Amino acid sequence: MKQAYTGLARIYAQRNDFVNAFKYQALLTNIKDTLYNIEYQQKMSGELFNFEIGKKQDQITILNKDKELQEIDLQKQKLAKNAFLVGLILILIIAFILFRNYRVKVKVNKLLDKQKDEIEHLLLNILPEEVAHELKKDGHATPRSYDSVSVLFTDFKGFTTIAEGMTPIDLVAELNDFFVAFDDIIEKNNLEKIKTIGDAYMCAGGIPTANTTHPYDIIKAGLQIQEYMELHNRKRKNSGLPVWGLRVGVHTGPITAGVVGKKKYAYDIWGSAVNIASRMESAGEVGKVNISEATYVLVKDRFQCSHRGKISAKNIGEIDMYFVESEALVLG
């Protein structure tokens, strides 16, 4: 307390706060007086003790005096030893408790970090990265309109017929293999998976980050998907199994994209371009990539296409459609 009051008085004096400086200086003076009285009493008690000892020294022999002094010394040593052992044990107990608490804290932090990473990974599997970040930051994702986006649909022809000859486990496993392969292909071509609807697969290019390469990217992905299906069907045919027929349709146009739902978030797209892309798939043929004239105009310099003419699309009317045959050769 003496040191504290001394420090406080000095600090307040340096800050020109003389009221508080005087206050703590007064407290310091009282402390000093108290300490002086205690020291005086201790000194007087010591003098009295020495005086009593001196009186008794005349009444005991030198042998008894040495014996008493030795016993006192041994007792002090014993007390000091016991105090040291007790203090050491307390220090060890405190150290153990602190170390255990530290280990628990580290373990909890690692667990929380792991759970955070798992949640982050799960969220990125459901939503595009920038949409996921916006959702975490603001609590909602703002719908966005895009002037030009390429949309791709796939669907299996005769799915019900093939599915009837398979067990539910085998059917789900087969679809999972297809869609995992499709996921890898669209990721490689910088596309965004939107969703699967039964045996249908939907993806888009040019979202959530707009770009100018999405028509080429999505056509390449469509051709690669059909190549994968051709290889897969060869294996099934060699094994005597029925083959899967896949139609692929693509259209390019304006859409609106955003997150729907409150509990199970889903990133989705809307607009006439989505409906037309779906009609491109349903009006297509197995093993082919069927595209609309709007997409053809954008990719005709990069891909060889065959004109199918005007074909009726449900609820839309007649649309010029093209089959993509291959990627055009670039002559140097």
C-alpha atoms as a PDB file:
ATOM      1  CA  MET A   1       0.000   0.000   0.000  1.00  0.00           C
ATOM      2  CA  LYS A   2       2.872   2.295   0.765  1.00  0.00           C
ATOM      3  CA  GLN A   3       4.362   1.698  -2.688  1.00  0.00           C
ATOM      4  CA  ALA A   4       0.962   2.057  -4.352  1.00  0.00           C
ATOM      5  CA  TYR A   5       0.169   5.359  -2.642  1.00  0.00           C
ATOM      6  CA  THR A   6       3.668   6.652  -3.399  1.00  0.00           C
ATOM      7  CA  GLY A   7       3.244   5.796  -7.116  1.00  0.00           C
ATOM      8  CA  LEU A   8      -0.276   7.239  -7.352  1.00  0.00           C
ATOM      9  CA  ALA A   9       0.707  10.477  -5.613  1.00  0.00           C
ATOM     10  CA  ARG A  10       3.662  10.884  -7.959  1.00  0.00           C
ATOM     11  CA  ILE A  11       1.590  10.125 -11.118  1.00  0.00           C
ATOM     12  CA  TYR A  12      -1.220  12.532 -10.201  1.00  0.00           C
ATOM     13  CA  ALA A  13       1.363  15.200  -9.377  1.00  0.00           C
ATOM     14  CA  GLN A  14       2.968  14.714 -12.802  1.00  0.00           C
ATOM     15  CA  ARG A  15      -0.473  15.107 -14.369  1.00  0.00           C
ATOM     16  CA  ASN A  16      -1.067  18.284 -12.350  1.00  0.00           C
ATOM     17  CA  ASP A  17      -3.997  16.586 -10.618  1.00  0.00           C
ATOM     18  CA  PHE A  18      -3.035  18.021  -7.218  1.00  0.00           C
ATOM     19  CA  VAL A  19      -6.317  17.101  -5.565  1.00  0.00           C
ATOM     20  CA  ASN A  20      -5.741  13.404  -6.075  1.00  0.00           C
ATOM     21  CA  ALA A  21      -2.011  13.862  -5.513  1.00  0.00           C
ATOM     22  CA  PHE A  22      -2.708  15.426  -2.108  1.00  0.00           C
ATOM     23  CA  LYS A  23      -5.256  12.692  -1.353  1.00  0.00           C
ATOM     24  CA  TYR A  24      -2.778   9.869  -1.937  1.00  0.00           C
ATOM     25  CA  GLN A  25       0.033  11.797  -0.263  1.00  0.00           C
ATOM     26  CA  ALA A  26      -2.164  12.057   2.843  1.00  0.00           C
ATOM     27  CA  LEU A  27      -2.908   8.340   2.688  1.00  0.00           C
ATOM     28  CA  LEU A  28       0.802   7.696   2.304  1.00  0.00           C
ATOM     29  CA  THR A  29       1.533   9.764   5.415  1.00  0.00           C
ATOM     30  CA  ASN A  30      -1.036   7.748   7.408  1.00  0.00           C
ATOM     31  CA  ILE A  31       0.506   4.519   6.172  1.00  0.00           C
ATOM     32  CA  LYS A  32       3.956   5.698   7.149  1.00  0.00           C
ATOM     33  CA  ASP A  33       2.669   6.582  10.632  1.00  0.00           C
ATOM     34  CA  THR A  34       1.070   3.170  10.966  1.00  0.00           C
ATOM     35  CA  LEU A  35       4.214   1.434   9.786  1.00  0.00           C
ATOM     36  CA  TYR A  36       6.274   3.470  12.224  1.00  0.00           C
ATOM     37  CA  ASN A  37       3.986   2.501  15.135  1.00  0.00           C
ATOM     38  CA  ILE A  38       4.135  -1.152  14.159  1.00  0.00           C
ATOM     39  CA  GLU A  39       7.913  -1.056  13.911  1.00  0.00           C
ATOM     40  CA  TYR A  40       8.087   0.710  17.271  1.00  0.00           C
ATOM     41  CA  GLN A  41       5.818  -1.863  18.919  1.00  0.00           C
ATOM     42  CA  GLN A  42       7.795  -4.704  17.371  1.00  0.00           C
ATOM     43  CA  LYS A  43      11.008  -3.128  18.605  1.00  0.00           C
ATOM     44  CA  MET A  44       9.630  -2.690  22.097  1.00  0.00           C
ATOM     45  CA  SER A  45       8.311  -6.252  22.127  1.00  0.00           C
ATOM     46  CA  GLY A  46      11.730  -7.478  21.066  1.00  0.00           C
ATOM     47  CA  GLU A  47      13.451  -5.466  23.732  1.00  0.00           C
ATOM     48  CA  LEU A  48      11.039  -6.846  26.351  1.00  0.00           C
ATOM     49  CA  PHE A  49      11.617 -10.386  25.116  1.00  0.00           C
ATOM     50  CA  ASN A  50      15.370  -9.911  25.284  1.00  0.00           C
ATOM     51  CA  PHE A  51      15.051  -8.464  28.769  1.00  0.00           C
ATOM     52  CA  GLU A  52      13.071 -11.522  29.949  1.00  0.00           C
ATOM     53  CA  ILE A  53      15.548 -13.869  28.362  1.00  0.00           C
ATOM     54  CA  GLY A  54      18.377 -12.016  30.060  1.00  0.00           C
ATOM     55  CA  LYS A  55      16.699 -12.422  33.437  1.00  0.00           C
ATOM     56  CA  LYS A  56      16.238 -16.143  32.942  1.00  0.00           C
ATOM     57  CA  GLN A  57      19.764 -16.676  31.718  1.00  0.00           C
ATOM     58  CA  ASP A  58      20.907 -16.325  35.300  1.00  0.00           C
ATOM     59  CA  GLN A  59      18.525 -19.138  36.360  1.00  0.00           C
ATOM     60  CA  ILE A  60      19.463 -21.844  33.875  1.00  0.00           C
ATOM     61  CA  THR A  61      22.646 -23.614  33.148  1.00  0.00           C
ATOM     62  CA  ILE A  62      24.701 -23.216  30.012  1.00  0.00           C
ATOM     63  CA  LEU A  63      23.812 -26.791  29.015  1.00  0.00           C
ATOM     64  CA  ASN A  64      20.068 -26.216  29.208  1.00  0.00           C
ATOM     65  CA  LYS A  65      20.448 -22.998  27.279  1.00  0.00           C
ATOM     66  CA  ASP A  66      22.309 -24.773  24.427  1.00  0.00           C
ATOM     67  CA  LYS A  67      19.687 -27.538  24.397  1.00  0.00           C
ATOM     68  CA  GLU A  68      16.814 -25.109  24.107  1.00  0.00           C
ATOM     69  CA  LEU A  69      18.525 -23.200  21.336  1.00  0.00           C
ATOM     70  CA  GLN A  70      19.145 -26.410  19.411  1.00  0.00           C
ATOM     71  CA  GLU A  71      15.522 -27.499  19.772  1.00  0.00           C
ATOM     72  CA  ILE A  72      14.333 -24.114  18.561  1.00  0.00           C
ATOM     73  CA  ASP A  73      16.667 -24.288  15.579  1.00  0.00           C
ATOM     74  CA  LEU A  74      15.500 -27.811  14.686  1.00  0.00           C
ATOM     75  CA  GLN A  75      11.883 -26.754  14.940  1.00  0.00           C
ATOM     76  CA  LYS A  76      12.478 -23.799  12.640  1.00  0.00           C
ATOM     77  CA  GLN A  77      14.212 -26.012  10.122  1.00  0.00           C
ATOM     78  CA  LYS A  78      11.340 -28.496  10.254  1.00  0.00           C
ATOM     79  CA  LEU A  79       8.767 -25.742   9.782  1.00  0.00           C
ATOM     80  CA  ALA A  80      10.763 -24.245   6.940  1.00  0.00           C
ATOM     81  CA  LYS A  81      11.055 -27.647   5.257  1.00  0.00           C
ATOM     82  CA  ASN A  82       7.348 -28.356   5.636  1.00  0.00           C
ATOM     83  CA  ALA A  83       6.459 -24.905   4.339  1.00  0.00           C
ATOM     84  CA  PHE A  84       8.723 -25.443   1.333  1.00  0.00           C
ATOM     85  CA  LEU A  85       7.115 -28.825   0.555  1.00  0.00           C
ATOM     86  CA  VAL A  86       3.587 -27.416   0.905  1.00  0.00           C
ATOM     87  CA  GLY A  87       4.466 -24.470  -1.332  1.00  0.00           C
ATOM     88  CA  LEU A  88       6.035 -26.780  -3.925  1.00  0.00           C
ATOM     89  CA  ILE A  89       2.960 -29.025  -3.951  1.00  0.00           C
ATOM     90  CA  LEU A  90       0.673 -26.015  -4.355  1.00  0.00           C
ATOM     91  CA  ILE A  91       2.790 -24.715  -7.222  1.00  0.00           C
ATOM     92  CA  LEU A  92       2.671 -28.117  -8.939  1.00  0.00           C
ATOM     93  CA  ILE A  93      -1.111 -28.346  -8.497  1.00  0.00           C
ATOM     94  CA  ILE A  94      -1.610 -24.847  -9.901  1.00  0.00           C
ATOM     95  CA  ALA A  95       0.742 -25.593 -12.803  1.00  0.00           C
ATOM     96  CA  PHE A  96      -1.145 -28.826 -13.573  1.00  0.00           C
ATOM     97  CA  ILE A  97      -4.505 -27.055 -13.522  1.00  0.00           C
ATOM     98  CA  LEU A  98      -3.222 -24.280 -15.784  1.00  0.00           C
ATOM     99  CA  PHE A  99      -1.681 -26.787 -18.214  1.00  0.00           C
ATOM    100  CA  ARG A 100      -4.841 -28.888 -18.289  1.00  0.00           C
ATOM    101  CA  ASN A 101      -6.985 -25.801 -18.946  1.00  0.00           C
ATOM    102  CA  TYR A 102      -4.600 -24.776 -21.715  1.00  0.00           C
ATOM    103  CA  ARG A 103      -4.812 -28.216 -23.330  1.00  0.00           C
ATOM    104  CA  VAL A 104      -8.606 -28.159 -23.141  1.00  0.00           C
ATOM    105  CA  LYS A 105      -8.706 -24.677 -24.662  1.00  0.00           C
ATOM    106  CA  VAL A 106      -6.397 -25.702 -27.507  1.00  0.00           C
ATOM    107  CA  LYS A 107      -8.481 -28.810 -28.164  1.00  0.00           C
ATOM    108  CA  VAL A 108     -11.725 -26.820 -28.198  1.00  0.00           C
ATOM    109  CA  ASN A 109     -10.230 -24.208 -30.540  1.00  0.00           C
ATOM    110  CA  LYS A 110      -9.030 -26.921 -32.925  1.00  0.00           C
ATOM    111  CA  LEU A 111     -12.478 -28.511 -32.873  1.00  0.00           C
ATOM    112  CA  LEU A 112     -14.166 -25.161 -33.554  1.00  0.00           C
ATOM    113  CA  ASP A 113     -11.741 -24.429 -36.405  1.00  0.00           C
ATOM    114  CA  LYS A 114     -12.417 -27.862 -37.897  1.00  0.00           C
ATOM    115  CA  GLN A 115     -16.173 -27.388 -37.646  1.00  0.00           C
ATOM    116  CA  LYS A 116     -15.865 -23.926 -39.181  1.00  0.00           C
ATOM    117  CA  ASP A 117     -13.881 -25.348 -42.120  1.00  0.00           C
ATOM    118  CA  GLU A 118     -16.425 -28.137 -42.586  1.00  0.00           C
ATOM    119  CA  ILE A 119     -19.300 -25.648 -42.588  1.00  0.00           C
ATOM    120  CA  GLU A 120     -17.405 -23.415 -45.020  1.00  0.00           C
ATOM    121  CA  HIS A 121     -16.738 -26.365 -47.327  1.00  0.00           C
ATOM    122  CA  LEU A 122     -20.360 -27.495 -47.128  1.00  0.00           C
ATOM    123  CA  LEU A 123     -21.631 -23.994 -47.896  1.00  0.00           C
ATOM    124  CA  LEU A 124     -19.321 -23.715 -50.911  1.00  0.00           C
ATOM    125  CA  ASN A 125     -20.668 -27.048 -52.162  1.00  0.00           C
ATOM    126  CA  ILE A 126     -24.181 -25.612 -52.076  1.00  0.00           C
ATOM    127  CA  LEU A 127     -23.586 -22.032 -53.253  1.00  0.00           C
ATOM    128  CA  PRO A 128     -21.092 -20.226 -55.503  1.00  0.00           C
ATOM    129  CA  GLU A 129     -18.181 -18.776 -53.538  1.00  0.00           C
ATOM    130  CA  GLU A 130     -19.028 -15.092 -53.884  1.00  0.00           C
ATOM    131  CA  VAL A 131     -22.721 -15.759 -53.124  1.00  0.00           C
ATOM    132  CA  ALA A 132     -21.733 -17.749 -50.024  1.00  0.00           C
ATOM    133  CA  HIS A 133     -19.494 -14.905 -48.807  1.00  0.00           C
ATOM    134  CA  GLU A 134     -22.272 -12.370 -49.378  1.00  0.00           C
ATOM    135  CA  LEU A 135     -24.735 -14.570 -47.508  1.00  0.00           C
ATOM    136  CA  LYS A 136     -22.378 -14.925 -44.526  1.00  0.00           C
ATOM    137  CA  LYS A 137     -21.533 -11.226 -44.484  1.00  0.00           C
ATOM    138  CA  ASP A 138     -24.988  -9.676 -44.998  1.00  0.00           C
ATOM    139  CA  GLY A 139     -27.325 -12.520 -44.049  1.00  0.00           C
ATOM    140  CA  HIS A 140     -28.864 -12.531 -47.530  1.00  0.00           C
ATOM    141  CA  ALA A 141     -27.808 -12.663 -51.174  1.00  0.00           C
ATOM    142  CA  THR A 142     -29.073 -10.016 -53.578  1.00  0.00           C
ATOM    143  CA  PRO A 143     -30.611 -11.393 -56.817  1.00  0.00           C
ATOM    144  CA  ARG A 144     -28.666 -10.343 -59.909  1.00  0.00           C
ATOM    145  CA  SER A 145     -29.595  -9.997 -63.549  1.00  0.00           C
ATOM    146  CA  TYR A 146     -27.253 -11.084 -66.338  1.00  0.00           C
ATOM    147  CA  ASP A 147     -27.547 -10.025 -69.969  1.00  0.00           C
ATOM    148  CA  SER A 148     -25.857 -13.104 -71.383  1.00  0.00           C
ATOM    149  CA  VAL A 149     -25.635 -16.523 -69.749  1.00  0.00           C
ATOM    150  CA  SER A 150     -25.357 -19.962 -71.353  1.00  0.00           C
ATOM    151  CA  VAL A 151     -27.587 -22.646 -69.838  1.00  0.00           C
ATOM    152  CA  LEU A 152     -27.132 -26.407 -70.337  1.00  0.00           C
ATOM    153  CA  PHE A 153     -29.620 -29.187 -69.618  1.00  0.00           C
ATOM    154  CA  THR A 154     -29.071 -32.949 -69.828  1.00  0.00           C
ATOM    155  CA  ASP A 155     -31.669 -35.671 -69.596  1.00  0.00           C
ATOM    156  CA  PHE A 156     -31.660 -39.440 -70.068  1.00  0.00           C
ATOM    157  CA  LYS A 157     -33.945 -40.834 -72.761  1.00  0.00           C
ATOM    158  CA  GLY A 158     -35.805 -43.943 -71.659  1.00  0.00           C
ATOM    159  CA  PHE A 159     -34.703 -43.471 -68.072  1.00  0.00           C
ATOM    160  CA  THR A 160     -37.827 -45.107 -66.639  1.00  0.00           C
ATOM    161  CA  THR A 161     -37.399 -48.209 -68.780  1.00  0.00           C
ATOM    162  CA  ILE A 162     -33.778 -48.741 -67.749  1.00  0.00           C
ATOM    163  CA  ALA A 163     -34.495 -47.857 -64.121  1.00  0.00           C
ATOM    164  CA  GLU A 164     -37.169 -50.540 -63.866  1.00  0.00           C
ATOM    165  CA  GLY A 165     -34.538 -53.208 -64.495  1.00  0.00           C
ATOM    166  CA  MET A 166     -32.234 -51.976 -61.718  1.00  0.00           C
ATOM    167  CA  THR A 167     -32.369 -52.073 -57.939  1.00  0.00           C
ATOM    168  CA  PRO A 168     -32.799 -48.672 -56.246  1.00  0.00           C
ATOM    169  CA  ILE A 169     -29.261 -48.879 -54.827  1.00  0.00           C
ATOM    170  CA  ASP A 170     -27.720 -49.648 -58.233  1.00  0.00           C
ATOM    171  CA  LEU A 171     -29.785 -46.915 -59.885  1.00  0.00           C
ATOM    172  CA  VAL A 172     -28.708 -44.248 -57.399  1.00  0.00           C
ATOM    173  CA  ALA A 173     -25.087 -45.400 -57.631  1.00  0.00           C
ATOM    174  CA  GLU A 174     -25.208 -45.198 -61.440  1.00  0.00           C
ATOM    175  CA  LEU A 175     -26.716 -41.693 -61.396  1.00  0.00           C
ATOM    176  CA  ASN A 176     -24.164 -40.625 -58.807  1.00  0.00           C
ATOM    177  CA  ASP A 177     -21.324 -41.775 -61.085  1.00  0.00           C
ATOM    178  CA  PHE A 178     -22.807 -39.802 -63.979  1.00  0.00           C
ATOM    179  CA  PHE A 179     -23.340 -36.615 -62.019  1.00  0.00           C
ATOM    180  CA  VAL A 180     -19.933 -36.751 -60.332  1.00  0.00           C
ATOM    181  CA  ALA A 181     -18.351 -37.017 -63.783  1.00  0.00           C
ATOM    182  CA  PHE A 182     -20.510 -34.116 -65.009  1.00  0.00           C
ATOM    183  CA  ASP A 183     -19.442 -32.069 -61.959  1.00  0.00           C
ATOM    184  CA  ASP A 184     -15.784 -32.588 -62.825  1.00  0.00           C
ATOM    185  CA  ILE A 185     -16.365 -31.607 -66.454  1.00  0.00           C
ATOM    186  CA  ILE A 186     -18.237 -28.373 -65.709  1.00  0.00           C
ATOM    187  CA  GLU A 187     -15.731 -27.385 -63.026  1.00  0.00           C
ATOM    188  CA  LYS A 188     -12.906 -27.886 -65.512  1.00  0.00           C
ATOM    189  CA  ASN A 189     -14.741 -25.627 -67.989  1.00  0.00           C
ATOM    190  CA  ASN A 190     -15.430 -22.801 -65.498  1.00  0.00           C
ATOM    191  CA  LEU A 191     -19.174 -23.449 -65.285  1.00  0.00           C
ATOM    192  CA  GLU A 192     -21.544 -23.349 -62.318  1.00  0.00           C
ATOM    193  CA  LYS A 193     -23.698 -26.337 -61.382  1.00  0.00           C
ATOM    194  CA  ILE A 194     -27.249 -25.232 -60.629  1.00  0.00           C
ATOM    195  CA  LYS A 195     -29.053 -28.418 -59.616  1.00  0.00           C
ATOM    196  CA  THR A 196     -30.165 -31.939 -60.503  1.00  0.00           C
ATOM    197  CA  ILE A 197     -33.841 -32.724 -60.964  1.00  0.00           C
ATOM    198  CA  GLY A 198     -34.365 -36.472 -60.916  1.00  0.00           C
ATOM    199  CA  ASP A 199     -32.256 -37.723 -63.830  1.00  0.00           C
ATOM    200  CA  ALA A 200     -31.827 -34.203 -65.298  1.00  0.00           C
ATOM    201  CA  TYR A 201     -28.702 -32.095 -64.796  1.00  0.00           C
ATOM    202  CA  MET A 202     -28.536 -28.307 -65.093  1.00  0.00           C
ATOM    203  CA  CYS A 203     -25.552 -25.953 -65.210  1.00  0.00           C
ATOM    204  CA  ALA A 204     -24.743 -22.487 -66.539  1.00  0.00           C
ATOM    205  CA  GLY A 205     -21.801 -20.382 -67.686  1.00  0.00           C
ATOM    206  CA  GLY A 206     -21.191 -16.690 -67.098  1.00  0.00           C
ATOM    207  CA  ILE A 207     -22.457 -16.722 -63.482  1.00  0.00           C
ATOM    208  CA  PRO A 208     -22.029 -15.699 -60.752  1.00  0.00           C
ATOM    209  CA  THR A 209     -19.040 -13.860 -62.253  1.00  0.00           C
ATOM    210  CA  ALA A 210     -19.842 -12.611 -65.738  1.00  0.00           C
ATOM    211  CA  ASN A 211     -17.436 -13.511 -68.546  1.00  0.00           C
ATOM    212  CA  THR A 212     -17.350 -13.602 -72.344  1.00  0.00           C
ATOM    213  CA  THR A 213     -16.167 -17.201 -72.787  1.00  0.00           C
ATOM    214  CA  HIS A 214     -19.232 -18.952 -71.381  1.00  0.00           C
ATOM    215  CA  PRO A 215     -20.746 -19.963 -74.799  1.00  0.00           C
ATOM    216  CA  TYR A 216     -17.499 -21.748 -75.755  1.00  0.00           C
ATOM    217  CA  ASP A 217     -17.037 -23.196 -72.277  1.00  0.00           C
ATOM    218  CA  ILE A 218     -20.513 -24.710 -72.153  1.00  0.00           C
ATOM    219  CA  ILE A 219     -20.316 -26.215 -75.658  1.00  0.00           C
ATOM    220  CA  LYS A 220     -16.988 -27.846 -74.787  1.00  0.00           C
ATOM    221  CA  ALA A 221     -18.540 -29.204 -71.588  1.00  0.00           C
ATOM    222  CA  GLY A 222     -21.517 -30.588 -73.551  1.00  0.00           C
ATOM    223  CA  LEU A 223     -19.229 -32.385 -76.018  1.00  0.00           C
ATOM    224  CA  GLN A 224     -17.105 -33.789 -73.180  1.00  0.00           C
ATOM    225  CA  ILE A 225     -20.223 -35.057 -71.385  1.00  0.00           C
ATOM    226  CA  GLN A 226     -21.322 -36.898 -74.515  1.00  0.00           C
ATOM    227  CA  GLU A 227     -17.811 -38.331 -74.941  1.00  0.00           C
ATOM    228  CA  TYR A 228     -17.934 -39.605 -71.360  1.00  0.00           C
ATOM    229  CA  MET A 229     -21.347 -41.200 -71.981  1.00  0.00           C
ATOM    230  CA  GLU A 230     -20.084 -42.872 -75.166  1.00  0.00           C
ATOM    231  CA  LEU A 231     -17.167 -44.483 -73.294  1.00  0.00           C
ATOM    232  CA  HIS A 232     -19.447 -45.527 -70.447  1.00  0.00           C
ATOM    233  CA  ASN A 233     -21.989 -47.062 -72.835  1.00  0.00           C
ATOM    234  CA  ARG A 234     -19.275 -49.087 -74.580  1.00  0.00           C
ATOM    235  CA  LYS A 235     -18.444 -50.768 -71.267  1.00  0.00           C
ATOM    236  CA  ARG A 236     -22.116 -51.472 -70.552  1.00  0.00           C
ATOM    237  CA  LYS A 237     -22.679 -52.830 -74.061  1.00  0.00           C
ATOM    238  CA  ASN A 238     -19.666 -55.158 -73.762  1.00  0.00           C
ATOM    239  CA  SER A 239     -21.142 -56.394 -70.465  1.00  0.00           C
ATOM    240  CA  GLY A 240     -24.499 -57.029 -72.071  1.00  0.00           C
ATOM    241  CA  LEU A 241     -26.209 -54.193 -70.228  1.00  0.00           C
ATOM    242  CA  PRO A 242     -28.610 -51.631 -71.741  1.00  0.00           C
ATOM    243  CA  VAL A 243     -26.983 -48.339 -72.669  1.00  0.00           C
ATOM    244  CA  TRP A 244     -27.973 -44.880 -71.434  1.00  0.00           C
ATOM    245  CA  GLY A 245     -29.123 -42.363 -74.013  1.00  0.00           C
ATOM    246  CA  LEU A 246     -28.317 -38.752 -73.047  1.00  0.00           C
ATOM    247  CA  ARG A 247     -29.655 -35.590 -74.664  1.00  0.00           C
ATOM    248  CA  VAL A 248     -27.882 -32.246 -74.159  1.00  0.00           C
ATOM    249  CA  GLY A 249     -29.436 -28.866 -74.901  1.00  0.00           C
ATOM    250  CA  VAL A 250     -27.907 -25.370 -74.710  1.00  0.00           C
ATOM    251  CA  HIS A 251     -29.270 -21.848 -75.058  1.00  0.00           C
ATOM    252  CA  THR A 252     -27.759 -18.412 -74.377  1.00  0.00           C
ATOM    253  CA  GLY A 253     -29.713 -15.415 -73.149  1.00  0.00           C
ATOM    254  CA  PRO A 254     -30.551 -13.125 -70.212  1.00  0.00           C
ATOM    255  CA  ILE A 255     -31.408 -14.626 -66.823  1.00  0.00           C
ATOM    256  CA  THR A 256     -31.861 -13.670 -63.172  1.00  0.00           C
ATOM    257  CA  ALA A 257     -29.887 -15.556 -60.513  1.00  0.00           C
ATOM    258  CA  GLY A 258     -30.245 -15.644 -56.745  1.00  0.00           C
ATOM    259  CA  VAL A 259     -30.671 -17.679 -53.585  1.00  0.00           C
ATOM    260  CA  VAL A 260     -34.079 -19.083 -52.716  1.00  0.00           C
ATOM    261  CA  GLY A 261     -35.304 -20.706 -49.542  1.00  0.00           C
ATOM    262  CA  LYS A 262     -34.962 -19.956 -45.860  1.00  0.00           C
ATOM    263  CA  LYS A 263     -33.583 -23.159 -44.364  1.00  0.00           C
ATOM    264  CA  LYS A 264     -32.160 -25.170 -47.250  1.00  0.00           C
ATOM    265  CA  TYR A 265     -30.504 -22.542 -49.410  1.00  0.00           C
ATOM    266  CA  ALA A 266     -30.497 -23.118 -53.156  1.00  0.00           C
ATOM    267  CA  TYR A 267     -28.810 -21.029 -55.843  1.00  0.00           C
ATOM    268  CA  ASP A 268     -31.103 -20.954 -58.873  1.00  0.00           C
ATOM    269  CA  ILE A 269     -31.667 -19.121 -62.146  1.00  0.00           C
ATOM    270  CA  TRP A 270     -34.866 -17.919 -63.830  1.00  0.00           C
ATOM    271  CA  GLY A 271     -35.879 -16.447 -67.165  1.00  0.00           C
ATOM    272  CA  SER A 272     -36.932 -17.408 -70.655  1.00  0.00           C
ATOM    273  CA  ALA A 273     -33.369 -18.503 -71.429  1.00  0.00           C
ATOM    274  CA  VAL A 274     -33.754 -21.313 -68.893  1.00  0.00           C
ATOM    275  CA  ASN A 275     -37.022 -22.479 -70.467  1.00  0.00           C
ATOM    276  CA  ILE A 276     -35.552 -22.373 -73.989  1.00  0.00           C
ATOM    277  CA  ALA A 277     -32.467 -24.338 -72.869  1.00  0.00           C
ATOM    278  CA  SER A 278     -34.796 -26.996 -71.462  1.00  0.00           C
ATOM    279  CA  ARG A 279     -36.615 -27.149 -74.817  1.00  0.00           C
ATOM    280  CA  MET A 280     -33.253 -27.509 -76.594  1.00  0.00           C
ATOM    281  CA  GLU A 281     -32.642 -30.627 -74.526  1.00  0.00           C
ATOM    282  CA  SER A 282     -36.094 -32.165 -75.058  1.00  0.00           C
ATOM    283  CA  ALA A 283     -35.948 -31.423 -78.826  1.00  0.00           C
ATOM    284  CA  GLY A 284     -32.450 -32.872 -79.129  1.00  0.00           C
ATOM    285  CA  GLU A 285     -31.216 -36.353 -79.946  1.00  0.00           C
ATOM    286  CA  VAL A 286     -29.260 -38.925 -77.985  1.00  0.00           C
ATOM    287  CA  GLY A 287     -25.512 -38.432 -78.199  1.00  0.00           C
ATOM    288  CA  LYS A 288     -25.860 -34.921 -79.617  1.00  0.00           C
ATOM    289  CA  VAL A 289     -25.432 -31.378 -78.283  1.00  0.00           C
ATOM    290  CA  ASN A 290     -28.438 -29.373 -79.517  1.00  0.00           C
ATOM    291  CA  ILE A 291     -28.066 -25.581 -79.426  1.00  0.00           C
ATOM    292  CA  SER A 292     -30.295 -22.630 -80.255  1.00  0.00           C
ATOM    293  CA  GLU A 293     -29.583 -20.086 -82.969  1.00  0.00           C
ATOM    294  CA  ALA A 294     -28.719 -17.526 -80.260  1.00  0.00           C
ATOM    295  CA  THR A 295     -25.897 -19.771 -79.055  1.00  0.00           C
ATOM    296  CA  TYR A 296     -24.880 -20.762 -82.586  1.00  0.00           C
ATOM    297  CA  VAL A 297     -24.269 -17.128 -83.574  1.00  0.00           C
ATOM    298  CA  LEU A 298     -21.806 -16.806 -80.682  1.00  0.00           C
ATOM    299  CA  VAL A 299     -19.878 -20.059 -81.284  1.00  0.00           C
ATOM    300  CA  LYS A 300     -20.058 -20.656 -85.036  1.00  0.00           C
ATOM    301  CA  ASP A 301     -16.432 -19.537 -85.533  1.00  0.00           C
ATOM    302  CA  ARG A 302     -15.175 -22.027 -82.948  1.00  0.00           C
ATOM    303  CA  PHE A 303     -17.382 -25.085 -83.551  1.00  0.00           C
ATOM    304  CA  GLN A 304     -18.618 -26.964 -86.607  1.00  0.00           C
ATOM    305  CA  CYS A 305     -22.404 -27.161 -86.466  1.00  0.00           C
ATOM    306  CA  SER A 306     -25.142 -28.612 -88.673  1.00  0.00           C
ATOM    307  CA  HIS A 307     -28.364 -26.652 -89.134  1.00  0.00           C
ATOM    308  CA  ARG A 308     -31.492 -28.639 -88.259  1.00  0.00           C
ATOM    309  CA  GLY A 309     -33.932 -25.995 -89.482  1.00  0.00           C
ATOM    310  CA  LYS A 310     -36.838 -24.581 -87.532  1.00  0.00           C
ATOM    311  CA  ILE A 311     -38.156 -27.003 -84.954  1.00  0.00           C
ATOM    312  CA  SER A 312     -41.192 -26.532 -82.775  1.00  0.00           C
ATOM    313  CA  ALA A 313     -40.493 -26.093 -79.061  1.00  0.00           C
ATOM    314  CA  LYS A 314     -43.299 -26.592 -76.555  1.00  0.00           C
ATOM    315  CA  ASN A 315     -44.885 -23.309 -75.381  1.00  0.00           C
ATOM    316  CA  ILE A 316     -42.228 -21.334 -77.306  1.00  0.00           C
ATOM    317  CA  GLY A 317     -42.809 -21.886 -81.027  1.00  0.00           C
ATOM    318  CA  GLU A 318     -40.433 -22.675 -83.839  1.00  0.00           C
ATOM    319  CA  ILE A 319     -36.730 -22.109 -83.179  1.00  0.00           C
ATOM    320  CA  ASP A 320     -33.709 -22.598 -85.422  1.00  0.00           C
ATOM    321  CA  MET A 321     -31.643 -25.380 -83.895  1.00  0.00           C
ATOM    322  CA  TYR A 322     -28.165 -26.745 -84.577  1.00  0.00           C
ATOM    323  CA  PHE A 323     -26.228 -29.858 -83.678  1.00  0.00           C
ATOM    324  CA  VAL A 324     -22.641 -29.224 -82.585  1.00  0.00           C
ATOM    325  CA  GLU A 325     -20.518 -31.703 -84.501  1.00  0.00           C
ATOM    326  CA  SER A 326     -17.013 -30.859 -83.293  1.00  0.00           C
ATOM    327  CA  GLU A 327     -14.627 -28.088 -82.406  1.00  0.00           C
ATOM    328  CA  ALA A 328     -13.475 -26.274 -85.552  1.00  0.00           C
ATOM    329  CA  LEU A 329      -9.898 -26.734 -86.708  1.00  0.00           C
ATOM    330  CA  VAL A 330      -7.854 -23.534 -86.426  1.00  0.00           C
ATOM    331  CA  LEU A 331      -5.412 -23.198 -89.317  1.00  0.00           C
ATOM    332  CA  GLY A 332      -2.204 -21.376 -88.484  1.00  0.00           C
END
